[in-house]
Amino acid sequence: MRRIVFALALVALLGGGFFLWLRYGARSPDTFPADALHEYLPTDTAAVVVFDLRALRDRGALDTPLGKALRDSLTGEETGLPFALLGVEPARDLDVVRLAFMPKHHGQPLVMLRGRFDRANFKVGPGQLEELRQDGFRLYRHKETGRDATLALAGDTLVVCLDRPPVVAALRHAAGKERSEVKGERLKKMLDEVDRKRALWFAADLAKLGKPPELPFEAQLRPLWDETATLSGGVAWEAGLRTEALFVAPSEANAARLEVHLQGVAKVATALVLVPSLAEYEKVFLRIFANAEVSQRGSEVTLRSRVGL
């Protein structure tokens, strides 16, 4: 009887060990579920911007002048994303672009590109990508003038950042080694409420993110940080562009100043849109503000705009 009990115990032990090996040991650290990072955001995220390129591509929107400008701005060489070395055609292979901005990494967002990537097509070697390992994960380093980016592939998502720790943290989350959850209550509330079906949507805790050291269009954009605590909204790309943005200010006084400022921006945009040397997509961008209706209610300021294409 004792031999039978011993044999059963041995079988159970070996079977349990084999299961654990299949669950944790057999899987390569480079093997992740396809959707491992679909909802991922770093814990200290202060702002999120998401572009649904697949929806725009399916509608043919990326073939319009504004669509081409958007695509080029996201995938051009100035972004530092080495698509040629990844064997990827951005207009064809990218579905979603998600940017996560963190206070500690101002100007260095974590870029998450969802699409069709094949590690076998990555070009590794001198003057190309450099392959390396950290925490058991496979990383790629891309160096060019003034940039030193870290890249990694987890499922169908390529993660890129100029700072390596956020990339490694994303891989640890994808591998189930640690779970990441956004800490900021204000951002979590906005993420629950924002319309994610839009072609472009955003949510930002500007008070947590802090003011960037430099801004394009300084005079027009700096007051947004001075008078706004949070910003959320998006752009629906249908027959035209339908934009809606909700600014929540620290007080009604801040909101009143912000409303006046945004109304002034609309007037400036109305004048600039007549400049003949502007590209068509630049005119469309200005028309978003020129056509804007701005209204204040308490500590909230809403901007709504419709632009035909």
C-alpha atoms as a PDB file:
ATOM      1  CA  MET A   1       0.000   0.000   0.000  1.00  0.00           C
ATOM      2  CA  ARG A   2       2.834   2.326   0.919  1.00  0.00           C
ATOM      3  CA  ARG A   3       4.432   1.666  -2.490  1.00  0.00           C
ATOM      4  CA  ILE A   4       1.196   2.575  -4.266  1.00  0.00           C
ATOM      5  CA  VAL A   5       0.869   5.836  -2.285  1.00  0.00           C
ATOM      6  CA  PHE A   6       4.523   6.620  -2.965  1.00  0.00           C
ATOM      7  CA  ALA A   7       4.089   5.955  -6.701  1.00  0.00           C
ATOM      8  CA  LEU A   8       0.989   8.154  -6.881  1.00  0.00           C
ATOM      9  CA  ALA A   9       2.777  10.950  -5.056  1.00  0.00           C
ATOM     10  CA  LEU A  10       5.760  10.653  -7.404  1.00  0.00           C
ATOM     11  CA  VAL A  11       3.488  10.816 -10.459  1.00  0.00           C
ATOM     12  CA  ALA A  12       1.708  13.881  -9.057  1.00  0.00           C
ATOM     13  CA  LEU A  13       5.038  15.570  -8.321  1.00  0.00           C
ATOM     14  CA  LEU A  14       6.441  14.880 -11.771  1.00  0.00           C
ATOM     15  CA  GLY A  15       3.190  15.890 -13.438  1.00  0.00           C
ATOM     16  CA  GLY A  16       3.104  19.173 -11.525  1.00  0.00           C
ATOM     17  CA  GLY A  17       6.711  19.859 -12.405  1.00  0.00           C
ATOM     18  CA  PHE A  18       6.039  19.134 -16.066  1.00  0.00           C
ATOM     19  CA  PHE A  19       3.062  21.538 -16.026  1.00  0.00           C
ATOM     20  CA  LEU A  20       5.159  24.284 -14.458  1.00  0.00           C
ATOM     21  CA  TRP A  21       7.870  23.708 -17.063  1.00  0.00           C
ATOM     22  CA  LEU A  22       5.307  24.036 -19.854  1.00  0.00           C
ATOM     23  CA  ARG A  23       3.831  27.142 -18.248  1.00  0.00           C
ATOM     24  CA  TYR A  24       7.020  28.979 -17.358  1.00  0.00           C
ATOM     25  CA  GLY A  25      10.085  27.158 -18.592  1.00  0.00           C
ATOM     26  CA  ALA A  26       9.133  26.072 -22.091  1.00  0.00           C
ATOM     27  CA  ARG A  27       8.067  29.529 -23.211  1.00  0.00           C
ATOM     28  CA  SER A  28      10.829  31.646 -24.676  1.00  0.00           C
ATOM     29  CA  PRO A  29      11.214  35.077 -23.011  1.00  0.00           C
ATOM     30  CA  ASP A  30      10.674  36.512 -26.497  1.00  0.00           C
ATOM     31  CA  THR A  31       7.283  34.787 -26.874  1.00  0.00           C
ATOM     32  CA  PHE A  32       4.293  36.885 -25.847  1.00  0.00           C
ATOM     33  CA  PRO A  33       0.549  36.815 -26.529  1.00  0.00           C
ATOM     34  CA  ALA A  34      -0.296  38.969 -29.547  1.00  0.00           C
ATOM     35  CA  ASP A  35      -2.298  41.385 -27.379  1.00  0.00           C
ATOM     36  CA  ALA A  36       0.176  41.494 -24.477  1.00  0.00           C
ATOM     37  CA  LEU A  37       0.553  45.286 -24.672  1.00  0.00           C
ATOM     38  CA  HIS A  38      -2.739  46.378 -26.239  1.00  0.00           C
ATOM     39  CA  GLU A  39      -3.909  48.174 -23.086  1.00  0.00           C
ATOM     40  CA  TYR A  40      -0.510  48.753 -21.501  1.00  0.00           C
ATOM     41  CA  LEU A  41       0.478  52.073 -19.993  1.00  0.00           C
ATOM     42  CA  PRO A  42       3.394  52.739 -17.609  1.00  0.00           C
ATOM     43  CA  THR A  43       2.380  53.371 -13.993  1.00  0.00           C
ATOM     44  CA  ASP A  44       3.604  56.974 -14.076  1.00  0.00           C
ATOM     45  CA  THR A  45       1.864  57.890 -17.351  1.00  0.00           C
ATOM     46  CA  ALA A  46       0.577  61.464 -17.340  1.00  0.00           C
ATOM     47  CA  ALA A  47      -0.677  61.755 -20.932  1.00  0.00           C
ATOM     48  CA  VAL A  48      -1.785  59.404 -23.710  1.00  0.00           C
ATOM     49  CA  VAL A  49      -2.263  60.065 -27.433  1.00  0.00           C
ATOM     50  CA  VAL A  50      -3.626  57.340 -29.732  1.00  0.00           C
ATOM     51  CA  PHE A  51      -3.894  57.275 -33.547  1.00  0.00           C
ATOM     52  CA  ASP A  52      -6.033  54.577 -35.167  1.00  0.00           C
ATOM     53  CA  LEU A  53      -4.224  54.295 -38.495  1.00  0.00           C
ATOM     54  CA  ARG A  54      -6.078  51.142 -39.489  1.00  0.00           C
ATOM     55  CA  ALA A  55      -9.459  52.885 -39.326  1.00  0.00           C
ATOM     56  CA  LEU A  56      -8.109  55.802 -41.352  1.00  0.00           C
ATOM     57  CA  ARG A  57      -6.542  53.454 -43.897  1.00  0.00           C
ATOM     58  CA  ASP A  58      -9.769  51.476 -44.290  1.00  0.00           C
ATOM     59  CA  ARG A  59     -11.648  54.702 -45.044  1.00  0.00           C
ATOM     60  CA  GLY A  60      -9.024  55.886 -47.508  1.00  0.00           C
ATOM     61  CA  ALA A  61      -8.351  58.868 -45.264  1.00  0.00           C
ATOM     62  CA  LEU A  62      -4.576  58.373 -45.361  1.00  0.00           C
ATOM     63  CA  ASP A  63      -4.643  59.144 -49.089  1.00  0.00           C
ATOM     64  CA  THR A  64      -5.945  62.685 -48.533  1.00  0.00           C
ATOM     65  CA  PRO A  65      -3.466  65.583 -48.167  1.00  0.00           C
ATOM     66  CA  LEU A  66      -4.141  65.798 -44.434  1.00  0.00           C
ATOM     67  CA  GLY A  67      -3.932  62.016 -44.045  1.00  0.00           C
ATOM     68  CA  LYS A  68      -0.599  61.880 -45.834  1.00  0.00           C
ATOM     69  CA  ALA A  69       0.722  64.669 -43.634  1.00  0.00           C
ATOM     70  CA  LEU A  70      -0.404  62.817 -40.504  1.00  0.00           C
ATOM     71  CA  ARG A  71       1.146  59.579 -41.710  1.00  0.00           C
ATOM     72  CA  ASP A  72       4.414  61.288 -42.606  1.00  0.00           C
ATOM     73  CA  SER A  73       4.583  63.073 -39.249  1.00  0.00           C
ATOM     74  CA  LEU A  74       4.208  59.777 -37.403  1.00  0.00           C
ATOM     75  CA  THR A  75       6.529  57.719 -39.563  1.00  0.00           C
ATOM     76  CA  GLY A  76       9.042  60.173 -40.973  1.00  0.00           C
ATOM     77  CA  GLU A  77      12.773  60.009 -40.298  1.00  0.00           C
ATOM     78  CA  GLU A  78      12.553  62.902 -37.810  1.00  0.00           C
ATOM     79  CA  THR A  79      10.739  60.589 -35.383  1.00  0.00           C
ATOM     80  CA  GLY A  80      13.839  58.392 -35.168  1.00  0.00           C
ATOM     81  CA  LEU A  81      11.859  55.215 -35.905  1.00  0.00           C
ATOM     82  CA  PRO A  82      13.997  53.000 -38.181  1.00  0.00           C
ATOM     83  CA  PHE A  83      11.223  51.432 -40.260  1.00  0.00           C
ATOM     84  CA  ALA A  84      13.604  50.527 -43.097  1.00  0.00           C
ATOM     85  CA  LEU A  85      15.690  48.458 -40.660  1.00  0.00           C
ATOM     86  CA  LEU A  86      12.556  46.757 -39.342  1.00  0.00           C
ATOM     87  CA  GLY A  87      11.342  45.658 -42.754  1.00  0.00           C
ATOM     88  CA  VAL A  88       8.087  47.572 -42.256  1.00  0.00           C
ATOM     89  CA  GLU A  89       6.062  49.772 -44.578  1.00  0.00           C
ATOM     90  CA  PRO A  90       4.297  52.121 -42.125  1.00  0.00           C
ATOM     91  CA  ALA A  91       1.321  53.004 -44.328  1.00  0.00           C
ATOM     92  CA  ARG A  92       0.600  49.317 -44.858  1.00  0.00           C
ATOM     93  CA  ASP A  93       1.795  47.548 -41.712  1.00  0.00           C
ATOM     94  CA  LEU A  94       0.945  49.887 -38.808  1.00  0.00           C
ATOM     95  CA  ASP A  95      -2.528  49.749 -37.258  1.00  0.00           C
ATOM     96  CA  VAL A  96      -2.339  51.776 -34.042  1.00  0.00           C
ATOM     97  CA  VAL A  97       0.185  54.277 -32.717  1.00  0.00           C
ATOM     98  CA  ARG A  98       0.049  54.928 -28.962  1.00  0.00           C
ATOM     99  CA  LEU A  99       2.218  57.476 -27.169  1.00  0.00           C
ATOM    100  CA  ALA A 100       2.591  57.504 -23.389  1.00  0.00           C
ATOM    101  CA  PHE A 101       4.153  60.604 -21.839  1.00  0.00           C
ATOM    102  CA  MET A 102       5.714  60.457 -18.371  1.00  0.00           C
ATOM    103  CA  PRO A 103       6.948  63.325 -16.155  1.00  0.00           C
ATOM    104  CA  LYS A 104      10.378  61.725 -15.622  1.00  0.00           C
ATOM    105  CA  HIS A 105      10.910  61.291 -19.351  1.00  0.00           C
ATOM    106  CA  HIS A 106       9.727  64.649 -20.699  1.00  0.00           C
ATOM    107  CA  GLY A 107      10.087  64.705 -24.459  1.00  0.00           C
ATOM    108  CA  GLN A 108      10.862  60.974 -24.499  1.00  0.00           C
ATOM    109  CA  PRO A 109       7.480  59.225 -24.721  1.00  0.00           C
ATOM    110  CA  LEU A 110       7.111  55.478 -24.789  1.00  0.00           C
ATOM    111  CA  VAL A 111       5.992  54.739 -28.358  1.00  0.00           C
ATOM    112  CA  MET A 112       3.904  51.606 -28.901  1.00  0.00           C
ATOM    113  CA  LEU A 113       3.298  50.596 -32.516  1.00  0.00           C
ATOM    114  CA  ARG A 114       0.743  47.855 -33.108  1.00  0.00           C
ATOM    115  CA  GLY A 115       0.880  46.123 -36.463  1.00  0.00           C
ATOM    116  CA  ARG A 116       2.604  43.427 -38.445  1.00  0.00           C
ATOM    117  CA  PHE A 117       6.247  42.909 -37.470  1.00  0.00           C
ATOM    118  CA  ASP A 118       8.513  39.975 -38.245  1.00  0.00           C
ATOM    119  CA  ARG A 119      11.697  39.702 -36.223  1.00  0.00           C
ATOM    120  CA  ALA A 120      13.250  37.747 -39.122  1.00  0.00           C
ATOM    121  CA  ASN A 121      13.122  40.950 -41.201  1.00  0.00           C
ATOM    122  CA  PHE A 122      14.992  43.074 -38.641  1.00  0.00           C
ATOM    123  CA  LYS A 123      18.359  44.153 -40.006  1.00  0.00           C
ATOM    124  CA  VAL A 124      21.016  43.575 -37.346  1.00  0.00           C
ATOM    125  CA  GLY A 125      24.664  44.446 -37.813  1.00  0.00           C
ATOM    126  CA  PRO A 126      27.165  47.312 -38.043  1.00  0.00           C
ATOM    127  CA  GLY A 127      25.441  50.564 -38.907  1.00  0.00           C
ATOM    128  CA  GLN A 128      22.020  48.934 -38.417  1.00  0.00           C
ATOM    129  CA  LEU A 129      20.287  47.544 -35.328  1.00  0.00           C
ATOM    130  CA  GLU A 130      22.351  46.228 -32.446  1.00  0.00           C
ATOM    131  CA  GLU A 131      20.870  43.196 -30.676  1.00  0.00           C
ATOM    132  CA  LEU A 132      21.357  42.865 -26.931  1.00  0.00           C
ATOM    133  CA  ARG A 133      19.851  41.151 -23.879  1.00  0.00           C
ATOM    134  CA  GLN A 134      18.560  42.506 -20.592  1.00  0.00           C
ATOM    135  CA  ASP A 135      16.566  40.668 -17.916  1.00  0.00           C
ATOM    136  CA  GLY A 136      16.361  37.759 -20.363  1.00  0.00           C
ATOM    137  CA  PHE A 137      14.586  39.878 -22.995  1.00  0.00           C
ATOM    138  CA  ARG A 138      15.808  40.593 -26.495  1.00  0.00           C
ATOM    139  CA  LEU A 139      16.268  44.311 -27.159  1.00  0.00           C
ATOM    140  CA  TYR A 140      17.474  46.285 -30.152  1.00  0.00           C
ATOM    141  CA  ARG A 141      19.492  49.464 -30.058  1.00  0.00           C
ATOM    142  CA  HIS A 142      19.380  52.042 -32.819  1.00  0.00           C
ATOM    143  CA  LYS A 143      21.910  54.862 -32.775  1.00  0.00           C
ATOM    144  CA  GLU A 144      21.951  57.819 -35.101  1.00  0.00           C
ATOM    145  CA  THR A 145      22.963  61.452 -34.789  1.00  0.00           C
ATOM    146  CA  GLY A 146      21.648  62.767 -31.495  1.00  0.00           C
ATOM    147  CA  ARG A 147      19.489  59.688 -30.792  1.00  0.00           C
ATOM    148  CA  ASP A 148      19.985  56.408 -28.979  1.00  0.00           C
ATOM    149  CA  ALA A 149      16.733  54.446 -29.023  1.00  0.00           C
ATOM    150  CA  THR A 150      15.836  51.085 -27.507  1.00  0.00           C
ATOM    151  CA  LEU A 151      13.318  48.877 -29.328  1.00  0.00           C
ATOM    152  CA  ALA A 152      11.643  45.580 -28.429  1.00  0.00           C
ATOM    153  CA  LEU A 153       8.887  43.410 -29.861  1.00  0.00           C
ATOM    154  CA  ALA A 154       6.144  41.950 -27.639  1.00  0.00           C
ATOM    155  CA  GLY A 155       3.361  40.173 -29.496  1.00  0.00           C
ATOM    156  CA  ASP A 156       2.173  42.439 -32.299  1.00  0.00           C
ATOM    157  CA  THR A 157       3.468  45.599 -30.604  1.00  0.00           C
ATOM    158  CA  LEU A 158       6.834  47.260 -31.129  1.00  0.00           C
ATOM    159  CA  VAL A 159       7.929  49.322 -28.118  1.00  0.00           C
ATOM    160  CA  VAL A 160      10.347  52.215 -28.646  1.00  0.00           C
ATOM    161  CA  CYS A 161      11.838  54.809 -26.305  1.00  0.00           C
ATOM    162  CA  LEU A 162      14.952  56.955 -26.053  1.00  0.00           C
ATOM    163  CA  ASP A 163      15.200  55.769 -22.444  1.00  0.00           C
ATOM    164  CA  ARG A 164      15.665  52.016 -21.896  1.00  0.00           C
ATOM    165  CA  PRO A 165      13.931  51.375 -18.522  1.00  0.00           C
ATOM    166  CA  PRO A 166      10.379  52.047 -19.848  1.00  0.00           C
ATOM    167  CA  VAL A 167      10.954  49.498 -22.637  1.00  0.00           C
ATOM    168  CA  VAL A 168      12.154  46.819 -20.205  1.00  0.00           C
ATOM    169  CA  ALA A 169       9.228  47.573 -17.869  1.00  0.00           C
ATOM    170  CA  ALA A 170       6.809  47.070 -20.769  1.00  0.00           C
ATOM    171  CA  LEU A 171       8.363  43.667 -21.532  1.00  0.00           C
ATOM    172  CA  ARG A 172       8.143  42.613 -17.891  1.00  0.00           C
ATOM    173  CA  HIS A 173       4.440  43.464 -17.995  1.00  0.00           C
ATOM    174  CA  ALA A 174       3.966  41.565 -21.262  1.00  0.00           C
ATOM    175  CA  ALA A 175       5.710  38.512 -19.779  1.00  0.00           C
ATOM    176  CA  GLY A 176       3.555  38.588 -16.641  1.00  0.00           C
ATOM    177  CA  LYS A 177       6.544  39.280 -14.389  1.00  0.00           C
ATOM    178  CA  GLU A 178       4.950  42.433 -13.026  1.00  0.00           C
ATOM    179  CA  ARG A 179       1.646  44.200 -13.551  1.00  0.00           C
ATOM    180  CA  SER A 180       1.408  47.857 -14.471  1.00  0.00           C
ATOM    181  CA  GLU A 181      -1.534  50.081 -13.606  1.00  0.00           C
ATOM    182  CA  VAL A 182      -1.791  53.822 -14.057  1.00  0.00           C
ATOM    183  CA  LYS A 183      -1.562  55.498 -10.653  1.00  0.00           C
ATOM    184  CA  GLY A 184      -3.052  58.922 -11.370  1.00  0.00           C
ATOM    185  CA  GLU A 185      -6.755  59.053 -10.496  1.00  0.00           C
ATOM    186  CA  ARG A 186      -7.430  61.997 -12.806  1.00  0.00           C
ATOM    187  CA  LEU A 187      -5.929  60.223 -15.812  1.00  0.00           C
ATOM    188  CA  LYS A 188      -7.733  56.972 -14.951  1.00  0.00           C
ATOM    189  CA  LYS A 189     -11.033  58.865 -14.864  1.00  0.00           C
ATOM    190  CA  MET A 190     -10.360  60.449 -18.262  1.00  0.00           C
ATOM    191  CA  LEU A 191      -9.399  57.084 -19.761  1.00  0.00           C
ATOM    192  CA  ASP A 192     -12.718  55.663 -18.582  1.00  0.00           C
ATOM    193  CA  GLU A 193     -14.680  58.535 -20.134  1.00  0.00           C
ATOM    194  CA  VAL A 194     -12.864  59.430 -23.372  1.00  0.00           C
ATOM    195  CA  ASP A 195     -14.331  58.173 -26.656  1.00  0.00           C
ATOM    196  CA  ARG A 196     -11.779  55.641 -27.911  1.00  0.00           C
ATOM    197  CA  LYS A 197     -13.641  55.024 -31.156  1.00  0.00           C
ATOM    198  CA  ARG A 198     -12.293  58.236 -32.661  1.00  0.00           C
ATOM    199  CA  ALA A 199      -9.455  58.153 -35.166  1.00  0.00           C
ATOM    200  CA  LEU A 200      -7.429  60.254 -32.741  1.00  0.00           C
ATOM    201  CA  TRP A 201      -8.042  60.488 -29.025  1.00  0.00           C
ATOM    202  CA  PHE A 202      -6.078  61.884 -26.130  1.00  0.00           C
ATOM    203  CA  ALA A 203      -6.134  62.261 -22.358  1.00  0.00           C
ATOM    204  CA  ALA A 204      -3.615  64.332 -20.420  1.00  0.00           C
ATOM    205  CA  ASP A 205      -3.055  65.291 -16.819  1.00  0.00           C
ATOM    206  CA  LEU A 206      -1.132  68.456 -17.636  1.00  0.00           C
ATOM    207  CA  ALA A 207      -0.648  69.348 -13.982  1.00  0.00           C
ATOM    208  CA  LYS A 208       1.150  66.027 -13.403  1.00  0.00           C
ATOM    209  CA  LEU A 209       3.017  66.072 -16.710  1.00  0.00           C
ATOM    210  CA  GLY A 210       4.443  69.524 -16.064  1.00  0.00           C
ATOM    211  CA  LYS A 211       5.444  72.219 -18.494  1.00  0.00           C
ATOM    212  CA  PRO A 212       7.830  71.171 -21.262  1.00  0.00           C
ATOM    213  CA  PRO A 213      10.999  73.285 -21.470  1.00  0.00           C
ATOM    214  CA  GLU A 214      10.237  74.232 -25.074  1.00  0.00           C
ATOM    215  CA  LEU A 215       7.073  74.369 -27.133  1.00  0.00           C
ATOM    216  CA  PRO A 216       6.329  75.086 -30.784  1.00  0.00           C
ATOM    217  CA  PHE A 217       3.958  78.042 -31.104  1.00  0.00           C
ATOM    218  CA  GLU A 218       4.996  79.110 -27.604  1.00  0.00           C
ATOM    219  CA  ALA A 219       2.589  82.053 -27.344  1.00  0.00           C
ATOM    220  CA  GLN A 220      -0.398  79.940 -28.354  1.00  0.00           C
ATOM    221  CA  LEU A 221       0.345  76.741 -26.399  1.00  0.00           C
ATOM    222  CA  ARG A 222       2.005  77.910 -23.175  1.00  0.00           C
ATOM    223  CA  PRO A 223      -1.263  79.267 -21.689  1.00  0.00           C
ATOM    224  CA  LEU A 224      -2.766  75.785 -22.011  1.00  0.00           C
ATOM    225  CA  TRP A 225      -0.340  74.592 -19.331  1.00  0.00           C
ATOM    226  CA  ASP A 226      -0.750  77.767 -17.289  1.00  0.00           C
ATOM    227  CA  GLU A 227      -4.544  77.587 -17.111  1.00  0.00           C
ATOM    228  CA  THR A 228      -5.398  73.874 -17.544  1.00  0.00           C
ATOM    229  CA  ALA A 229      -5.236  70.909 -15.160  1.00  0.00           C
ATOM    230  CA  THR A 230      -6.493  68.182 -17.511  1.00  0.00           C
ATOM    231  CA  LEU A 231      -7.277  67.867 -21.224  1.00  0.00           C
ATOM    232  CA  SER A 232      -9.141  65.122 -23.057  1.00  0.00           C
ATOM    233  CA  GLY A 233     -10.991  64.584 -26.309  1.00  0.00           C
ATOM    234  CA  GLY A 234     -10.346  63.559 -29.871  1.00  0.00           C
ATOM    235  CA  VAL A 235     -10.942  63.897 -33.584  1.00  0.00           C
ATOM    236  CA  ALA A 236     -13.530  61.889 -35.529  1.00  0.00           C
ATOM    237  CA  TRP A 237     -12.578  61.560 -39.193  1.00  0.00           C
ATOM    238  CA  GLU A 238     -15.750  60.984 -41.199  1.00  0.00           C
ATOM    239  CA  ALA A 239     -16.948  63.114 -44.135  1.00  0.00           C
ATOM    240  CA  GLY A 240     -14.883  65.814 -42.490  1.00  0.00           C
ATOM    241  CA  LEU A 241     -13.129  66.393 -39.188  1.00  0.00           C
ATOM    242  CA  ARG A 242     -15.141  66.687 -35.985  1.00  0.00           C
ATOM    243  CA  THR A 243     -12.955  67.820 -33.094  1.00  0.00           C
ATOM    244  CA  GLU A 244     -13.905  68.036 -29.448  1.00  0.00           C
ATOM    245  CA  ALA A 245     -11.629  68.898 -26.539  1.00  0.00           C
ATOM    246  CA  LEU A 246     -12.486  69.321 -22.871  1.00  0.00           C
ATOM    247  CA  PHE A 247     -10.200  71.533 -20.789  1.00  0.00           C
ATOM    248  CA  VAL A 248     -10.631  71.326 -17.012  1.00  0.00           C
ATOM    249  CA  ALA A 249      -9.057  74.254 -15.208  1.00  0.00           C
ATOM    250  CA  PRO A 250      -8.043  74.509 -11.529  1.00  0.00           C
ATOM    251  CA  SER A 251     -10.642  77.251 -10.990  1.00  0.00           C
ATOM    252  CA  GLU A 252     -13.340  79.240 -12.769  1.00  0.00           C
ATOM    253  CA  ALA A 253     -10.916  82.167 -13.033  1.00  0.00           C
ATOM    254  CA  ASN A 254      -8.420  79.992 -14.890  1.00  0.00           C
ATOM    255  CA  ALA A 255     -11.209  78.732 -17.136  1.00  0.00           C
ATOM    256  CA  ALA A 256     -12.321  82.271 -17.956  1.00  0.00           C
ATOM    257  CA  ARG A 257      -8.799  83.248 -19.007  1.00  0.00           C
ATOM    258  CA  LEU A 258      -8.446  80.059 -21.033  1.00  0.00           C
ATOM    259  CA  GLU A 259     -11.716  80.707 -22.886  1.00  0.00           C
ATOM    260  CA  VAL A 260     -10.536  84.186 -23.879  1.00  0.00           C
ATOM    261  CA  HIS A 261      -7.185  82.818 -25.005  1.00  0.00           C
ATOM    262  CA  LEU A 262      -8.717  80.069 -27.166  1.00  0.00           C
ATOM    263  CA  GLN A 263     -11.076  82.580 -28.763  1.00  0.00           C
ATOM    264  CA  GLY A 264      -8.022  84.697 -29.588  1.00  0.00           C
ATOM    265  CA  VAL A 265      -6.277  81.687 -31.126  1.00  0.00           C
ATOM    266  CA  ALA A 266      -9.343  81.153 -33.320  1.00  0.00           C
ATOM    267  CA  LYS A 267      -9.078  84.721 -34.633  1.00  0.00           C
ATOM    268  CA  VAL A 268      -5.374  84.317 -35.402  1.00  0.00           C
ATOM    269  CA  ALA A 269      -6.064  81.034 -37.202  1.00  0.00           C
ATOM    270  CA  THR A 270      -8.777  82.693 -39.272  1.00  0.00           C
ATOM    271  CA  ALA A 271      -6.222  85.193 -40.559  1.00  0.00           C
ATOM    272  CA  LEU A 272      -3.404  82.707 -41.102  1.00  0.00           C
ATOM    273  CA  VAL A 273      -5.529  80.304 -43.144  1.00  0.00           C
ATOM    274  CA  LEU A 274      -5.544  82.920 -45.936  1.00  0.00           C
ATOM    275  CA  VAL A 275      -1.754  82.771 -46.354  1.00  0.00           C
ATOM    276  CA  PRO A 276      -1.256  81.391 -49.911  1.00  0.00           C
ATOM    277  CA  SER A 277       2.077  79.674 -49.245  1.00  0.00           C
ATOM    278  CA  LEU A 278       0.606  77.237 -46.710  1.00  0.00           C
ATOM    279  CA  ALA A 279       0.225  73.586 -47.630  1.00  0.00           C
ATOM    280  CA  GLU A 280      -3.315  72.267 -47.818  1.00  0.00           C
ATOM    281  CA  TYR A 281      -2.961  70.156 -44.677  1.00  0.00           C
ATOM    282  CA  GLU A 282      -1.673  73.210 -42.779  1.00  0.00           C
ATOM    283  CA  LYS A 283      -4.769  75.113 -43.814  1.00  0.00           C
ATOM    284  CA  VAL A 284      -6.992  72.266 -42.597  1.00  0.00           C
ATOM    285  CA  PHE A 285      -5.211  72.307 -39.232  1.00  0.00           C
ATOM    286  CA  LEU A 286      -5.742  76.058 -38.913  1.00  0.00           C
ATOM    287  CA  ARG A 287      -9.385  75.725 -39.921  1.00  0.00           C
ATOM    288  CA  ILE A 288      -9.973  73.421 -36.958  1.00  0.00           C
ATOM    289  CA  PHE A 289      -9.235  76.393 -34.703  1.00  0.00           C
ATOM    290  CA  ALA A 290     -10.730  79.018 -37.005  1.00  0.00           C
ATOM    291  CA  ASN A 291     -14.075  77.164 -36.966  1.00  0.00           C
ATOM    292  CA  ALA A 292     -13.944  76.393 -33.254  1.00  0.00           C
ATOM    293  CA  GLU A 293     -16.778  77.150 -30.880  1.00  0.00           C
ATOM    294  CA  VAL A 294     -15.399  77.758 -27.395  1.00  0.00           C
ATOM    295  CA  SER A 295     -17.595  77.814 -24.312  1.00  0.00           C
ATOM    296  CA  GLN A 296     -17.020  77.931 -20.560  1.00  0.00           C
ATOM    297  CA  ARG A 297     -19.069  76.274 -17.856  1.00  0.00           C
ATOM    298  CA  GLY A 298     -17.679  76.605 -14.369  1.00  0.00           C
ATOM    299  CA  SER A 299     -14.107  75.318 -14.385  1.00  0.00           C
ATOM    300  CA  GLU A 300     -14.558  73.556 -17.737  1.00  0.00           C
ATOM    301  CA  VAL A 301     -13.902  74.911 -21.220  1.00  0.00           C
ATOM    302  CA  THR A 302     -15.100  72.992 -24.266  1.00  0.00           C
ATOM    303  CA  LEU A 303     -13.784  73.436 -27.818  1.00  0.00           C
ATOM    304  CA  ARG A 304     -15.835  71.993 -30.676  1.00  0.00           C
ATOM    305  CA  SER A 305     -15.077  72.275 -34.372  1.00  0.00           C
ATOM    306  CA  ARG A 306     -16.245  70.842 -37.699  1.00  0.00           C
ATOM    307  CA  VAL A 307     -14.159  71.072 -40.849  1.00  0.00           C
ATOM    308  CA  GLY A 308     -15.152  69.762 -44.261  1.00  0.00           C
ATOM    309  CA  LEU A 309     -12.551  68.020 -46.405  1.00  0.00           C
END
